[in-house]
Amino acid sequence: GLGFSLLLTVLVSIPLYQTFMNTVIYQR
């Protein structure tokens, strides 16, 4: 169950990370 939660966290984090990186790029 912990592993499943961790997997979901990673899957949600991927697009959030991409959005964050785009924000950094556009701010630069």
PDB file of all heavy atoms in Angstrom:
ATOM      1  N   GLY A   1       0.826  -1.214   0.000  1.00  0.00           N
ATOM      2  CA  GLY A   1       0.000   0.000   0.000  1.00  0.00           C
ATOM      3  C   GLY A   1       0.852   1.252   0.000  1.00  0.00           C
ATOM      4  O   GLY A   1       0.560   2.222  -0.707  1.00  0.00           O
ATOM      5  N   LEU A   2       1.924   1.230   0.786  1.00  0.00           N
ATOM      6  CA  LEU A   2       2.846   2.347   0.815  1.00  0.00           C
ATOM      7  C   LEU A   2       3.526   2.517  -0.546  1.00  0.00           C
ATOM      8  O   LEU A   2       3.678   3.630  -1.040  1.00  0.00           O
ATOM      9  CB  LEU A   2       3.887   2.136   1.905  1.00  0.00           C
ATOM     10  CG  LEU A   2       4.887   3.253   2.136  1.00  0.00           C
ATOM     11  CD1 LEU A   2       4.186   4.530   2.569  1.00  0.00           C
ATOM     12  CD2 LEU A   2       5.894   2.826   3.181  1.00  0.00           C
ATOM     13  N   GLY A   3       3.889   1.395  -1.149  1.00  0.00           N
ATOM     14  CA  GLY A   3       4.504   1.440  -2.474  1.00  0.00           C
ATOM     15  C   GLY A   3       3.550   2.001  -3.525  1.00  0.00           C
ATOM     16  O   GLY A   3       3.955   2.781  -4.383  1.00  0.00           O
ATOM     17  N   PHE A   4       2.267   1.608  -3.428  1.00  0.00           N
ATOM     18  CA  PHE A   4       1.262   2.120  -4.369  1.00  0.00           C
ATOM     19  C   PHE A   4       1.102   3.629  -4.187  1.00  0.00           C
ATOM     20  O   PHE A   4       1.040   4.371  -5.167  1.00  0.00           O
ATOM     21  CB  PHE A   4      -0.069   1.397  -4.148  1.00  0.00           C
ATOM     22  CG  PHE A   4      -1.143   1.822  -5.094  1.00  0.00           C
ATOM     23  CD1 PHE A   4      -1.085   1.487  -6.436  1.00  0.00           C
ATOM     24  CD2 PHE A   4      -2.216   2.568  -4.645  1.00  0.00           C
ATOM     25  CE1 PHE A   4      -2.069   1.879  -7.316  1.00  0.00           C
ATOM     26  CE2 PHE A   4      -3.212   2.969  -5.510  1.00  0.00           C
ATOM     27  CZ  PHE A   4      -3.142   2.626  -6.853  1.00  0.00           C
ATOM     28  N   SER A   5       1.064   4.079  -2.929  1.00  0.00           N
ATOM     29  CA  SER A   5       0.968   5.516  -2.666  1.00  0.00           C
ATOM     30  C   SER A   5       2.186   6.255  -3.197  1.00  0.00           C
ATOM     31  O   SER A   5       2.073   7.337  -3.772  1.00  0.00           O
ATOM     32  CB  SER A   5       0.829   5.773  -1.160  1.00  0.00           C
ATOM     33  OG  SER A   5      -0.349   5.194  -0.678  1.00  0.00           O
ATOM     34  N   LEU A   6       3.352   5.651  -3.010  1.00  0.00           N
ATOM     35  CA  LEU A   6       4.584   6.248  -3.515  1.00  0.00           C
ATOM     36  C   LEU A   6       4.570   6.329  -5.041  1.00  0.00           C
ATOM     37  O   LEU A   6       4.957   7.341  -5.625  1.00  0.00           O
ATOM     38  CB  LEU A   6       5.793   5.456  -3.033  1.00  0.00           C
ATOM     39  CG  LEU A   6       7.164   6.004  -3.400  1.00  0.00           C
ATOM     40  CD1 LEU A   6       7.371   7.373  -2.782  1.00  0.00           C
ATOM     41  CD2 LEU A   6       8.246   5.060  -2.938  1.00  0.00           C
ATOM     42  N   LEU A   7       4.085   5.262  -5.687  1.00  0.00           N
ATOM     43  CA  LEU A   7       3.991   5.262  -7.145  1.00  0.00           C
ATOM     44  C   LEU A   7       3.050   6.365  -7.634  1.00  0.00           C
ATOM     45  O   LEU A   7       3.372   7.088  -8.578  1.00  0.00           O
ATOM     46  CB  LEU A   7       3.509   3.895  -7.643  1.00  0.00           C
ATOM     47  CG  LEU A   7       3.278   3.777  -9.146  1.00  0.00           C
ATOM     48  CD1 LEU A   7       4.591   3.920  -9.903  1.00  0.00           C
ATOM     49  CD2 LEU A   7       2.609   2.473  -9.487  1.00  0.00           C
ATOM     50  N   LEU A   8       1.893   6.510  -6.987  1.00  0.00           N
ATOM     51  CA  LEU A   8       0.965   7.577  -7.369  1.00  0.00           C
ATOM     52  C   LEU A   8       1.588   8.957  -7.159  1.00  0.00           C
ATOM     53  O   LEU A   8       1.416   9.850  -7.995  1.00  0.00           O
ATOM     54  CB  LEU A   8      -0.332   7.462  -6.565  1.00  0.00           C
ATOM     55  CG  LEU A   8      -1.269   6.336  -6.975  1.00  0.00           C
ATOM     56  CD1 LEU A   8      -2.482   6.304  -6.053  1.00  0.00           C
ATOM     57  CD2 LEU A   8      -1.718   6.489  -8.416  1.00  0.00           C
ATOM     58  N   THR A   9       2.321   9.102  -6.072  1.00  0.00           N
ATOM     59  CA  THR A   9       2.994  10.375  -5.815  1.00  0.00           C
ATOM     60  C   THR A   9       3.997  10.700  -6.916  1.00  0.00           C
ATOM     61  O   THR A   9       4.070  11.834  -7.388  1.00  0.00           O
ATOM     62  CB  THR A   9       3.697  10.333  -4.440  1.00  0.00           C
ATOM     63  OG1 THR A   9       2.723  10.053  -3.437  1.00  0.00           O
ATOM     64  CG2 THR A   9       4.401  11.640  -4.139  1.00  0.00           C
ATOM     65  N   VAL A  10       4.753   9.693  -7.326  1.00  0.00           N
ATOM     66  CA  VAL A  10       5.729   9.899  -8.401  1.00  0.00           C
ATOM     67  C   VAL A  10       5.018  10.251  -9.709  1.00  0.00           C
ATOM     68  O   VAL A  10       5.431  11.172 -10.421  1.00  0.00           O
ATOM     69  CB  VAL A  10       6.624   8.653  -8.573  1.00  0.00           C
ATOM     70  CG1 VAL A  10       7.436   8.735  -9.854  1.00  0.00           C
ATOM     71  CG2 VAL A  10       7.537   8.491  -7.382  1.00  0.00           C
ATOM     72  N   LEU A  11       3.922   9.533 -10.003  1.00  0.00           N
ATOM     73  CA  LEU A  11       3.202   9.794 -11.248  1.00  0.00           C
ATOM     74  C   LEU A  11       2.602  11.198 -11.271  1.00  0.00           C
ATOM     75  O   LEU A  11       2.582  11.847 -12.316  1.00  0.00           O
ATOM     76  CB  LEU A  11       2.116   8.742 -11.465  1.00  0.00           C
ATOM     77  CG  LEU A  11       2.626   7.335 -11.793  1.00  0.00           C
ATOM     78  CD1 LEU A  11       1.451   6.363 -11.889  1.00  0.00           C
ATOM     79  CD2 LEU A  11       3.426   7.332 -13.082  1.00  0.00           C
ATOM     80  N   VAL A  12       2.122  11.673 -10.133  1.00  0.00           N
ATOM     81  CA  VAL A  12       1.580  13.031 -10.068  1.00  0.00           C
ATOM     82  C   VAL A  12       2.707  14.053 -10.094  1.00  0.00           C
ATOM     83  O   VAL A  12       2.560  15.140 -10.664  1.00  0.00           O
ATOM     84  CB  VAL A  12       0.715  13.198  -8.790  1.00  0.00           C
ATOM     85  CG1 VAL A  12       0.368  14.644  -8.537  1.00  0.00           C
ATOM     86  CG2 VAL A  12      -0.547  12.360  -8.898  1.00  0.00           C
ATOM     87  N   SER A  13       3.845  13.697  -9.526  1.00  0.00           N
ATOM     88  CA  SER A  13       4.971  14.630  -9.452  1.00  0.00           C
ATOM     89  C   SER A  13       5.603  14.910 -10.812  1.00  0.00           C
ATOM     90  O   SER A  13       6.147  15.994 -11.011  1.00  0.00           O
ATOM     91  CB  SER A  13       6.042  14.086  -8.505  1.00  0.00           C
ATOM     92  OG  SER A  13       5.534  13.988  -7.207  1.00  0.00           O
ATOM     93  N   ILE A  14       5.531  13.962 -11.714  1.00  0.00           N
ATOM     94  CA  ILE A  14       6.160  14.151 -13.028  1.00  0.00           C
ATOM     95  C   ILE A  14       5.573  15.353 -13.769  1.00  0.00           C
ATOM     96  O   ILE A  14       6.314  16.253 -14.170  1.00  0.00           O
ATOM     97  CB  ILE A  14       6.104  12.859 -13.865  1.00  0.00           C
ATOM     98  CG1 ILE A  14       7.008  11.798 -13.232  1.00  0.00           C
ATOM     99  CG2 ILE A  14       6.507  13.124 -15.319  1.00  0.00           C
ATOM    100  CD1 ILE A  14       6.843  10.422 -13.822  1.00  0.00           C
ATOM    101  N   PRO A  15       4.235  15.432 -13.961  1.00  0.00           N
ATOM    102  CA  PRO A  15       3.723  16.629 -14.648  1.00  0.00           C
ATOM    103  C   PRO A  15       3.893  17.906 -13.825  1.00  0.00           C
ATOM    104  O   PRO A  15       4.096  18.981 -14.383  1.00  0.00           O
ATOM    105  CB  PRO A  15       2.244  16.314 -14.895  1.00  0.00           C
ATOM    106  CG  PRO A  15       1.909  15.161 -14.038  1.00  0.00           C
ATOM    107  CD  PRO A  15       3.176  14.448 -13.727  1.00  0.00           C
ATOM    108  N   LEU A  16       3.825  17.781 -12.484  1.00  0.00           N
ATOM    109  CA  LEU A  16       4.042  18.968 -11.653  1.00  0.00           C
ATOM    110  C   LEU A  16       5.476  19.476 -11.805  1.00  0.00           C
ATOM    111  O   LEU A  16       5.705  20.685 -11.867  1.00  0.00           O
ATOM    112  CB  LEU A  16       3.748  18.652 -10.185  1.00  0.00           C
ATOM    113  CG  LEU A  16       2.286  18.406  -9.839  1.00  0.00           C
ATOM    114  CD1 LEU A  16       2.146  17.998  -8.387  1.00  0.00           C
ATOM    115  CD2 LEU A  16       1.437  19.627 -10.152  1.00  0.00           C
ATOM    116  N   TYR A  17       6.423  18.557 -11.883  1.00  0.00           N
ATOM    117  CA  TYR A  17       7.812  18.947 -12.083  1.00  0.00           C
ATOM    118  C   TYR A  17       7.986  19.625 -13.441  1.00  0.00           C
ATOM    119  O   TYR A  17       8.674  20.639 -13.550  1.00  0.00           O
ATOM    120  CB  TYR A  17       8.730  17.726 -11.974  1.00  0.00           C
ATOM    121  CG  TYR A  17      10.174  18.030 -12.270  1.00  0.00           C
ATOM    122  CD1 TYR A  17      10.967  18.665 -11.331  1.00  0.00           C
ATOM    123  CD2 TYR A  17      10.731  17.714 -13.508  1.00  0.00           C
ATOM    124  CE1 TYR A  17      12.292  18.967 -11.603  1.00  0.00           C
ATOM    125  CE2 TYR A  17      12.057  18.014 -13.781  1.00  0.00           C
ATOM    126  CZ  TYR A  17      12.824  18.638 -12.829  1.00  0.00           C
ATOM    127  OH  TYR A  17      14.134  18.942 -13.112  1.00  0.00           O
ATOM    128  N   GLN A  18       7.348  19.070 -14.469  1.00  0.00           N
ATOM    129  CA  GLN A  18       7.447  19.663 -15.800  1.00  0.00           C
ATOM    130  C   GLN A  18       6.847  21.067 -15.816  1.00  0.00           C
ATOM    131  O   GLN A  18       7.414  21.981 -16.400  1.00  0.00           O
ATOM    132  CB  GLN A  18       6.750  18.765 -16.837  1.00  0.00           C
ATOM    133  CG  GLN A  18       6.944  19.226 -18.250  1.00  0.00           C
ATOM    134  CD  GLN A  18       8.400  19.232 -18.664  1.00  0.00           C
ATOM    135  OE1 GLN A  18       9.148  18.338 -18.347  1.00  0.00           O
ATOM    136  NE2 GLN A  18       8.808  20.258 -19.378  1.00  0.00           N
ATOM    137  N   THR A  19       5.712  21.233 -15.136  1.00  0.00           N
ATOM    138  CA  THR A  19       5.092  22.551 -15.059  1.00  0.00           C
ATOM    139  C   THR A  19       6.000  23.527 -14.319  1.00  0.00           C
ATOM    140  O   THR A  19       6.165  24.676 -14.722  1.00  0.00           O
ATOM    141  CB  THR A  19       3.732  22.457 -14.342  1.00  0.00           C
ATOM    142  OG1 THR A  19       2.891  21.562 -15.074  1.00  0.00           O
ATOM    143  CG2 THR A  19       3.056  23.806 -14.248  1.00  0.00           C
ATOM    144  N   PHE A  20       6.602  23.057 -13.228  1.00  0.00           N
ATOM    145  CA  PHE A  20       7.528  23.897 -12.472  1.00  0.00           C
ATOM    146  C   PHE A  20       8.713  24.319 -13.343  1.00  0.00           C
ATOM    147  O   PHE A  20       9.112  25.481 -13.340  1.00  0.00           O
ATOM    148  CB  PHE A  20       8.012  23.155 -11.227  1.00  0.00           C
ATOM    149  CG  PHE A  20       9.100  23.872 -10.483  1.00  0.00           C
ATOM    150  CD1 PHE A  20       8.817  25.002  -9.734  1.00  0.00           C
ATOM    151  CD2 PHE A  20      10.413  23.435 -10.549  1.00  0.00           C
ATOM    152  CE1 PHE A  20       9.823  25.673  -9.058  1.00  0.00           C
ATOM    153  CE2 PHE A  20      11.419  24.100  -9.878  1.00  0.00           C
ATOM    154  CZ  PHE A  20      11.122  25.224  -9.130  1.00  0.00           C
ATOM    155  N   MET A  21       9.286  23.363 -14.074  1.00  0.00           N
ATOM    156  CA  MET A  21      10.430  23.690 -14.927  1.00  0.00           C
ATOM    157  C   MET A  21      10.034  24.688 -16.019  1.00  0.00           C
ATOM    158  O   MET A  21      10.806  25.592 -16.342  1.00  0.00           O
ATOM    159  CB  MET A  21      11.019  22.414 -15.538  1.00  0.00           C
ATOM    160  CG  MET A  21      11.726  21.530 -14.526  1.00  0.00           C
ATOM    161  SD  MET A  21      12.937  22.389 -13.500  1.00  0.00           S
ATOM    162  CE  MET A  21      14.129  22.929 -14.699  1.00  0.00           C
ATOM    163  N   ASN A  22       8.833  24.514 -16.593  1.00  0.00           N
ATOM    164  CA  ASN A  22       8.362  25.481 -17.594  1.00  0.00           C
ATOM    165  C   ASN A  22       8.218  26.867 -16.980  1.00  0.00           C
ATOM    166  O   ASN A  22       8.572  27.869 -17.604  1.00  0.00           O
ATOM    167  CB  ASN A  22       7.033  25.028 -18.194  1.00  0.00           C
ATOM    168  CG  ASN A  22       7.213  23.895 -19.172  1.00  0.00           C
ATOM    169  OD1 ASN A  22       8.301  23.646 -19.671  1.00  0.00           O
ATOM    170  ND2 ASN A  22       6.140  23.175 -19.440  1.00  0.00           N
ATOM    171  N   THR A  23       7.707  26.922 -15.749  1.00  0.00           N
ATOM    172  CA  THR A  23       7.563  28.212 -15.065  1.00  0.00           C
ATOM    173  C   THR A  23       8.916  28.869 -14.883  1.00  0.00           C
ATOM    174  O   THR A  23       9.077  30.071 -15.120  1.00  0.00           O
ATOM    175  CB  THR A  23       6.871  28.018 -13.698  1.00  0.00           C
ATOM    176  OG1 THR A  23       5.591  27.417 -13.908  1.00  0.00           O
ATOM    177  CG2 THR A  23       6.714  29.329 -12.966  1.00  0.00           C
ATOM    178  N   VAL A  24       9.908  28.083 -14.481  1.00  0.00           N
ATOM    179  CA  VAL A  24      11.269  28.616 -14.304  1.00  0.00           C
ATOM    180  C   VAL A  24      11.805  29.129 -15.636  1.00  0.00           C
ATOM    181  O   VAL A  24      12.374  30.229 -15.706  1.00  0.00           O
ATOM    182  CB  VAL A  24      12.203  27.536 -13.710  1.00  0.00           C
ATOM    183  CG1 VAL A  24      13.655  27.970 -13.771  1.00  0.00           C
ATOM    184  CG2 VAL A  24      11.795  27.217 -12.283  1.00  0.00           C
ATOM    185  N   ILE A  25      11.605  28.369 -16.686  1.00  0.00           N
ATOM    186  CA  ILE A  25      12.096  28.775 -18.013  1.00  0.00           C
ATOM    187  C   ILE A  25      11.430  30.079 -18.450  1.00  0.00           C
ATOM    188  O   ILE A  25      12.102  31.011 -18.911  1.00  0.00           O
ATOM    189  CB  ILE A  25      11.849  27.657 -19.049  1.00  0.00           C
ATOM    190  CG1 ILE A  25      12.779  26.472 -18.773  1.00  0.00           C
ATOM    191  CG2 ILE A  25      12.038  28.182 -20.471  1.00  0.00           C
ATOM    192  CD1 ILE A  25      12.429  25.221 -19.533  1.00  0.00           C
ATOM    193  N   TYR A  26      10.103  30.164 -18.289  1.00  0.00           N
ATOM    194  CA  TYR A  26       9.393  31.368 -18.723  1.00  0.00           C
ATOM    195  C   TYR A  26       9.741  32.569 -17.850  1.00  0.00           C
ATOM    196  O   TYR A  26       9.829  33.699 -18.344  1.00  0.00           O
ATOM    197  CB  TYR A  26       7.891  31.124 -18.769  1.00  0.00           C
ATOM    198  CG  TYR A  26       7.532  30.132 -19.852  1.00  0.00           C
ATOM    199  CD1 TYR A  26       6.850  28.967 -19.564  1.00  0.00           C
ATOM    200  CD2 TYR A  26       7.923  30.346 -21.162  1.00  0.00           C
ATOM    201  CE1 TYR A  26       6.551  28.048 -20.557  1.00  0.00           C
ATOM    202  CE2 TYR A  26       7.630  29.434 -22.167  1.00  0.00           C
ATOM    203  CZ  TYR A  26       6.945  28.284 -21.850  1.00  0.00           C
ATOM    204  OH  TYR A  26       6.659  27.380 -22.832  1.00  0.00           O
ATOM    205  N   GLN A  27      10.011  32.363 -16.562  1.00  0.00           N
ATOM    206  CA  GLN A  27      10.439  33.477 -15.712  1.00  0.00           C
ATOM    207  C   GLN A  27      11.814  33.984 -16.142  1.00  0.00           C
ATOM    208  O   GLN A  27      12.070  35.189 -16.108  1.00  0.00           O
ATOM    209  CB  GLN A  27      10.458  33.064 -14.243  1.00  0.00           C
ATOM    210  CG  GLN A  27       9.085  32.968 -13.632  1.00  0.00           C
ATOM    211  CD  GLN A  27       9.125  32.519 -12.187  1.00  0.00           C
ATOM    212  OE1 GLN A  27      10.124  32.001 -11.708  1.00  0.00           O
ATOM    213  NE2 GLN A  27       8.013  32.703 -11.487  1.00  0.00           N
ATOM    214  N   ARG A  28      12.693  33.079 -16.526  1.00  0.00           N
ATOM    215  CA  ARG A  28      14.012  33.505 -17.014  1.00  0.00           C
ATOM    216  C   ARG A  28      13.871  34.329 -18.295  1.00  0.00           C
ATOM    217  O   ARG A  28      14.569  35.327 -18.482  1.00  0.00           O
ATOM    218  CB  ARG A  28      14.902  32.298 -17.267  1.00  0.00           C
ATOM    219  CG  ARG A  28      15.432  31.679 -16.009  1.00  0.00           C
ATOM    220  CD  ARG A  28      16.333  30.504 -16.302  1.00  0.00           C
ATOM    221  NE  ARG A  28      16.741  29.856 -15.062  1.00  0.00           N
ATOM    222  CZ  ARG A  28      17.119  28.612 -14.967  1.00  0.00           C
ATOM    223  NH1 ARG A  28      17.182  27.852 -16.056  1.00  0.00           N
ATOM    224  NH2 ARG A  28      17.456  28.092 -13.813  1.00  0.00           N
TER     225      ARG A  28
END
